[in-house]
């Protein structure tokens, strides 16, 4: 399918069971605290390891990347169509013994009770998986074996709280209290369902006064997105609830150019440039924008 043919199709629109929230795009500006470490977390859960690193540097919330992480047990799932009263829901949970995460992306913050929480998507190698696969991890249920690499992008003064979302009936990171920052080094952007991701990032940047920036570690879920390959061919993906394992790109003179690696219900990865107007958010997108 050509890029022009993809652009002519109407974007997918998902009707969620709850009331539609008025604010569709929210953002918080912050000073950026960036660090990279190899973490020895043998026997700890992936959640505990990331939380301990953030706590050691006094970082309460942000996003990050992991790489070369070996697990003693592996638990993950993928997104899919309507189930259990939700317009999109997780498929069956995949549980394996030892596994490996070649790379992954995460957001971190807290629960309403103050406990640390990590939302993580990753490529997974484990058990009977014979083809490249990835999905949504359960970090509290994934004990780490040995050391792994972490890049942390902390958002000073921003509170991210994992709480129930009335619109989708899922629990997601919401932006809590945050200090206003003049000339922010970074933005955390939370995008709600059916908003086109490219246009949403542009809206947030425009509101914050950023014209040139790049994406840091970012993740979320998209519905039936259209991707453009390097040769210009358009690919209309039919799956809803596709997990975005990572999102990348830049904003130049206020215009966003975004790419992503997404997985379908089977965990199969797809990579490409997000076609403007055809990458609607499914449940949430958590995007880190770093000013240039």
Protein backbone atom coordinates (compact mmCIF):
# COMPACT_ATOMS: atom_id res chain seq x y z
CA UNK A 1 0.00 0.00 0.00
CA UNK A 2 1.35 3.45 -0.89
CA UNK A 3 1.76 6.23 1.63
CA UNK A 4 -0.96 8.24 -0.14
CA UNK A 5 -3.43 5.34 0.12
CA UNK A 6 -2.74 5.02 3.84
CA UNK A 7 -3.30 8.74 4.39
CA UNK A 8 -6.73 8.57 2.68
CA UNK A 9 -8.13 6.08 5.21
CA UNK A 10 -10.04 7.33 8.24
CA UNK A 11 -8.17 6.89 11.51
CA UNK A 12 -9.46 4.23 13.89
CA UNK A 13 -11.70 5.55 16.68
CA UNK A 14 -12.27 3.47 19.83
CA UNK A 15 -15.27 4.02 22.10
CA UNK A 16 -14.25 3.32 25.69
CA UNK A 17 -16.82 2.36 28.36
CA UNK A 18 -16.41 5.37 30.64
CA UNK A 19 -17.03 9.11 30.37
CA UNK A 20 -14.69 10.94 28.01
CA UNK A 21 -12.29 13.12 29.96
CA UNK A 22 -12.31 16.76 28.90
CA UNK A 23 -8.55 17.24 28.90
CA UNK A 24 -7.02 15.02 26.24
CA UNK A 25 -3.39 16.10 26.36
CA UNK A 26 -1.64 16.91 29.62
CA UNK A 27 1.96 17.88 30.20
CA UNK A 28 4.35 18.95 32.93
CA UNK A 29 7.65 20.74 32.43
CA UNK A 30 10.68 19.83 34.51
CA UNK A 31 14.40 20.00 34.99
CA UNK A 32 15.91 16.80 33.61
CA UNK A 33 18.13 14.53 35.71
CA UNK A 34 19.85 12.01 33.46
CA UNK A 35 22.06 9.11 34.48
CA UNK A 36 23.27 5.77 33.17
CA UNK A 37 24.37 2.85 35.34
CA UNK A 38 24.93 -0.88 35.31
CA UNK A 39 22.83 -2.12 38.21
CA UNK A 40 23.62 -5.32 40.12
CA UNK A 41 20.16 -6.42 41.22
CA UNK A 42 20.50 -10.19 41.54
CA UNK A 43 17.40 -11.62 43.21
CA UNK A 44 15.47 -8.34 43.22
CA UNK A 45 12.39 -7.71 41.10
CA UNK A 46 12.80 -5.47 38.09
CA UNK A 47 10.46 -2.98 39.77
CA UNK A 48 12.52 -2.95 42.99
CA UNK A 49 15.79 -2.54 41.08
CA UNK A 50 14.58 0.48 39.09
CA UNK A 51 12.94 2.02 42.15
CA UNK A 52 16.09 1.61 44.25
CA UNK A 53 18.23 3.31 41.61
CA UNK A 54 15.82 6.23 41.33
CA UNK A 55 15.59 6.56 45.10
CA UNK A 56 19.38 6.56 45.46
CA UNK A 57 19.53 9.69 43.32
CA UNK A 58 16.44 11.30 44.84
CA UNK A 59 14.34 10.92 41.67
CA UNK A 60 10.62 10.36 42.23
CA UNK A 61 9.37 10.07 38.63
CA UNK A 62 10.48 9.90 35.03
CA UNK A 63 11.15 7.48 32.20
CA UNK A 64 14.04 5.26 31.18
CA UNK A 65 15.50 2.38 29.24
CA UNK A 66 16.81 -1.03 30.23
CA UNK A 67 19.12 -3.34 28.29
CA UNK A 68 20.72 -6.77 28.58
CA UNK A 69 18.54 -7.78 31.52
CA UNK A 70 18.45 -11.47 32.47
CA UNK A 71 15.44 -12.67 34.44
CA UNK A 72 14.98 -15.66 36.72
CA UNK A 73 11.29 -15.66 35.80
CA UNK A 74 9.48 -13.87 32.99
CA UNK A 75 5.90 -12.58 33.04
CA UNK A 76 4.37 -10.40 30.34
CA UNK A 77 1.30 -9.88 28.17
CA UNK A 78 0.16 -8.00 25.07
CA UNK A 79 -2.76 -5.77 24.14
CA UNK A 80 -5.82 -6.85 22.23
CA UNK A 81 -9.53 -6.27 21.56
CA UNK A 82 -12.48 -5.83 23.90
CA UNK A 83 -12.77 -8.12 26.92
CA UNK A 84 -14.11 -7.93 30.49
CA UNK A 85 -16.09 -4.75 29.84
CA UNK A 86 -13.12 -2.83 28.44
CA UNK A 87 -12.82 -1.58 24.85
CA UNK A 88 -9.25 -2.91 24.78
CA UNK A 89 -7.65 -5.27 27.24
CA UNK A 90 -4.64 -7.46 27.84
CA UNK A 91 -4.54 -10.89 26.25
CA UNK A 92 -3.53 -13.97 28.19
CA UNK A 93 -0.57 -13.67 30.53
CA UNK A 94 2.59 -15.38 29.32
CA UNK A 95 4.62 -16.91 32.14
CA UNK A 96 8.04 -18.48 31.58
CA UNK A 97 11.04 -19.42 33.62
CA UNK A 98 14.39 -17.76 32.92
CA UNK A 99 14.36 -15.15 30.19
CA UNK A 100 16.13 -12.13 28.83
CA UNK A 101 15.12 -8.59 27.93
CA UNK A 102 17.41 -7.31 25.14
CA UNK A 103 15.93 -3.85 25.61
CA UNK A 104 12.91 -2.11 27.06
CA UNK A 105 11.35 1.24 27.90
CA UNK A 106 9.67 2.29 31.13
CA UNK A 107 7.95 5.08 33.02
CA UNK A 108 8.20 5.20 36.79
CA UNK A 109 6.37 6.92 39.62
CA UNK A 110 4.21 5.80 42.51
CA UNK A 111 0.87 4.34 43.51
CA UNK A 112 -1.64 6.51 45.43
CA UNK A 113 -0.35 4.84 48.61
CA UNK A 114 3.23 5.89 47.86
CA UNK A 115 4.69 2.56 46.75
CA UNK A 116 6.94 2.69 43.66
CA UNK A 117 5.40 1.68 40.35
CA UNK A 118 7.01 0.91 36.98
CA UNK A 119 5.22 0.67 33.63
CA UNK A 120 7.51 -1.28 31.29
CA UNK A 121 7.38 -2.56 27.71
CA UNK A 122 10.20 -4.71 26.35
CA UNK A 123 11.41 -7.21 23.82
CA UNK A 124 11.41 -10.66 25.43
CA UNK A 125 13.42 -13.84 24.90
CA UNK A 126 12.17 -16.77 26.97
CA UNK A 127 10.87 -20.33 26.98
CA UNK A 128 9.31 -21.52 23.77
CA UNK A 129 9.43 -18.09 22.09
CA UNK A 130 11.08 -18.79 18.74
CA UNK A 131 10.44 -15.51 16.89
CA UNK A 132 11.15 -11.92 18.02
CA UNK A 133 8.45 -10.91 20.50
CA UNK A 134 7.67 -8.25 23.05
CA UNK A 135 4.95 -6.84 25.23
CA UNK A 136 3.85 -5.32 28.53
CA UNK A 137 5.92 -6.61 31.46
CA UNK A 138 4.86 -7.21 35.06
CA UNK A 139 8.05 -5.81 36.67
CA UNK A 140 7.08 -6.81 40.21
CA UNK A 141 6.89 -10.44 39.07
CA UNK A 142 10.17 -10.49 37.11
CA UNK A 143 13.17 -11.26 39.39
CA UNK A 144 16.49 -10.15 37.95
CA UNK A 145 19.53 -12.41 37.60
CA UNK A 146 22.81 -10.53 37.83
CA UNK A 147 23.36 -7.01 36.51
CA UNK A 148 21.70 -5.01 33.75
CA UNK A 149 22.00 -1.57 32.15
CA UNK A 150 19.67 1.29 33.04
CA UNK A 151 19.30 4.78 31.58
CA UNK A 152 17.24 7.00 33.86
CA UNK A 153 15.61 10.28 32.80
CA UNK A 154 14.32 11.83 36.01
CA UNK A 155 11.79 14.67 36.05
CA UNK A 156 12.64 16.92 38.97
CA UNK A 157 9.54 18.17 40.76
CA UNK A 158 7.02 16.02 38.82
CA UNK A 159 4.75 13.50 40.53
CA UNK A 160 3.46 10.59 38.42
CA UNK A 161 0.70 8.61 40.11
CA UNK A 162 -0.64 5.28 38.83
CA UNK A 163 -4.39 5.37 39.36
CA UNK A 164 -7.67 4.15 37.84
CA UNK A 165 -8.84 5.93 34.71
CA UNK A 166 -12.64 6.27 34.53
CA UNK A 167 -12.67 6.48 30.73
CA UNK A 168 -10.79 3.28 29.89
CA UNK A 169 -11.18 1.33 33.18
CA UNK A 170 -7.41 0.78 33.16
CA UNK A 171 -4.92 2.11 35.69
CA UNK A 172 -2.49 4.58 34.14
CA UNK A 173 0.06 7.19 35.14
CA UNK A 174 -1.54 10.57 35.76
CA UNK A 175 0.41 13.77 36.26
CA UNK A 176 0.03 14.80 39.88
CA UNK A 177 1.49 17.81 41.62
CA UNK A 178 4.36 19.50 39.83
CA UNK A 179 6.31 22.73 40.14
CA UNK A 180 5.91 25.20 37.25
CA UNK A 181 9.23 25.55 35.43
CA UNK A 182 10.23 28.47 33.23
CA UNK A 183 12.10 27.22 30.18
CA UNK A 184 11.76 23.50 30.99
CA UNK A 185 14.51 21.11 29.96
CA UNK A 186 11.93 18.36 29.43
CA UNK A 187 8.21 17.68 29.23
CA UNK A 188 6.31 14.62 30.35
CA UNK A 189 3.28 14.36 28.06
CA UNK A 190 0.30 12.15 28.88
CA UNK A 191 -1.99 11.53 25.89
CA UNK A 192 -5.50 10.12 26.20
CA UNK A 193 -7.38 7.78 23.82
CA UNK A 194 -8.07 8.60 20.17
CA UNK A 195 -5.67 11.54 20.05
CA UNK A 196 -3.18 11.29 17.20
CA UNK A 197 0.20 10.89 18.85
CA UNK A 198 2.19 13.08 16.46
CA UNK A 199 -0.28 15.94 16.70
CA UNK A 200 -0.58 15.56 20.48
CA UNK A 201 3.18 15.93 20.94
CA UNK A 202 3.12 19.05 18.78
CA UNK A 203 0.26 20.49 20.84
CA UNK A 204 2.14 19.97 24.10
CA UNK A 205 5.36 21.44 22.71
CA UNK A 206 3.51 24.47 21.38
CA UNK A 207 1.85 25.05 24.76
CA UNK A 208 5.23 24.81 26.51
CA UNK A 209 6.99 27.04 23.99
CA UNK A 210 9.28 24.31 22.60
CA UNK A 211 9.99 24.43 18.87
CA UNK A 212 12.95 22.06 18.69
CA UNK A 213 13.24 18.91 20.78
CA UNK A 214 13.76 15.17 20.70
CA UNK A 215 11.94 12.27 22.28
CA UNK A 216 13.47 10.51 25.24
CA UNK A 217 12.24 7.09 26.44
CA UNK A 218 8.51 6.93 25.66
CA UNK A 219 5.85 4.21 25.48
CA UNK A 220 2.11 3.60 25.30
CA UNK A 221 -0.50 1.85 23.17
CA UNK A 222 -1.97 2.63 19.74
CA UNK A 223 -4.99 1.47 17.75
CA UNK A 224 -4.60 0.23 14.16
CA UNK A 225 -1.77 2.66 13.40
CA UNK A 226 -0.39 3.35 9.95
CA UNK A 227 3.38 3.07 9.61
CA UNK A 228 5.69 4.23 6.84
CA UNK A 229 8.76 2.14 6.08
CA UNK A 230 12.15 3.51 5.02
CA UNK A 231 11.30 2.93 1.35
CA UNK A 232 8.15 5.06 1.64
CA UNK A 233 5.70 2.16 1.60
CA UNK A 234 2.68 2.52 3.85
CA UNK A 235 1.54 -0.27 6.15
CA UNK A 236 -1.93 -0.19 7.71
CA UNK A 237 -1.79 -2.37 10.82
CA UNK A 238 -5.21 -3.82 11.71
CA UNK A 239 -4.55 -4.60 15.38
CA UNK A 240 -6.04 -2.60 18.25
CA UNK A 241 -4.29 -2.20 21.59
CA UNK A 242 -0.83 -2.46 20.05
CA UNK A 243 1.82 -1.93 22.70
CA UNK A 244 4.40 0.70 21.74
CA UNK A 245 7.61 -0.78 23.11
CA UNK A 246 9.39 2.46 22.32
CA UNK A 247 8.68 5.76 20.61
CA UNK A 248 11.36 8.01 19.19
CA UNK A 249 11.71 11.06 16.99
CA UNK A 250 12.22 14.79 16.90
CA UNK A 251 10.40 18.10 16.80
CA UNK A 252 11.85 20.56 14.31
CA UNK A 253 10.39 24.07 13.99
CA UNK A 254 7.32 22.82 15.84
CA UNK A 255 6.69 19.83 13.57
CA UNK A 256 7.01 16.33 15.03
CA UNK A 257 8.43 13.33 13.17
CA UNK A 258 7.85 10.20 15.24
CA UNK A 259 8.72 6.52 14.85
CA UNK A 260 7.92 3.47 16.93
CA UNK A 261 8.36 -0.22 17.55
CA UNK A 262 4.94 -1.78 18.20
CA UNK A 263 3.77 -5.31 18.94
CA UNK A 264 0.44 -6.90 18.10
CA UNK A 265 -1.62 -9.37 20.12
CA UNK A 266 0.83 -12.17 19.26
CA UNK A 267 3.79 -10.07 20.39
CA UNK A 268 5.10 -9.68 16.83
CA UNK A 269 7.08 -6.43 16.39
CA UNK A 270 6.47 -3.83 13.68
CA UNK A 271 8.70 -0.80 13.13
CA UNK A 272 8.20 2.40 11.15
CA UNK A 273 7.38 6.09 11.02
CA UNK A 274 3.99 7.04 12.45
CA UNK A 275 1.78 8.49 9.74
CA UNK A 276 0.37 11.85 10.83
CA UNK A 277 -3.30 11.59 11.73
CA UNK A 278 -3.19 7.79 11.74
CA UNK A 279 -1.62 6.83 15.07
CA UNK A 280 -4.48 7.16 17.58
CA UNK A 281 -3.74 6.37 21.21
CA UNK A 282 -5.54 3.31 22.59
CA UNK A 283 -5.37 3.66 26.40
CA UNK A 284 -2.49 6.03 27.12
CA UNK A 285 0.83 7.35 25.82
CA UNK A 286 3.63 8.48 28.12
CA UNK A 287 6.02 10.66 26.15
CA UNK A 288 9.23 12.34 27.28
CA UNK A 289 10.18 15.39 25.22
CA UNK A 290 13.68 16.79 25.73
CA UNK A 291 14.36 20.40 24.69
CA UNK A 292 17.29 21.08 22.38
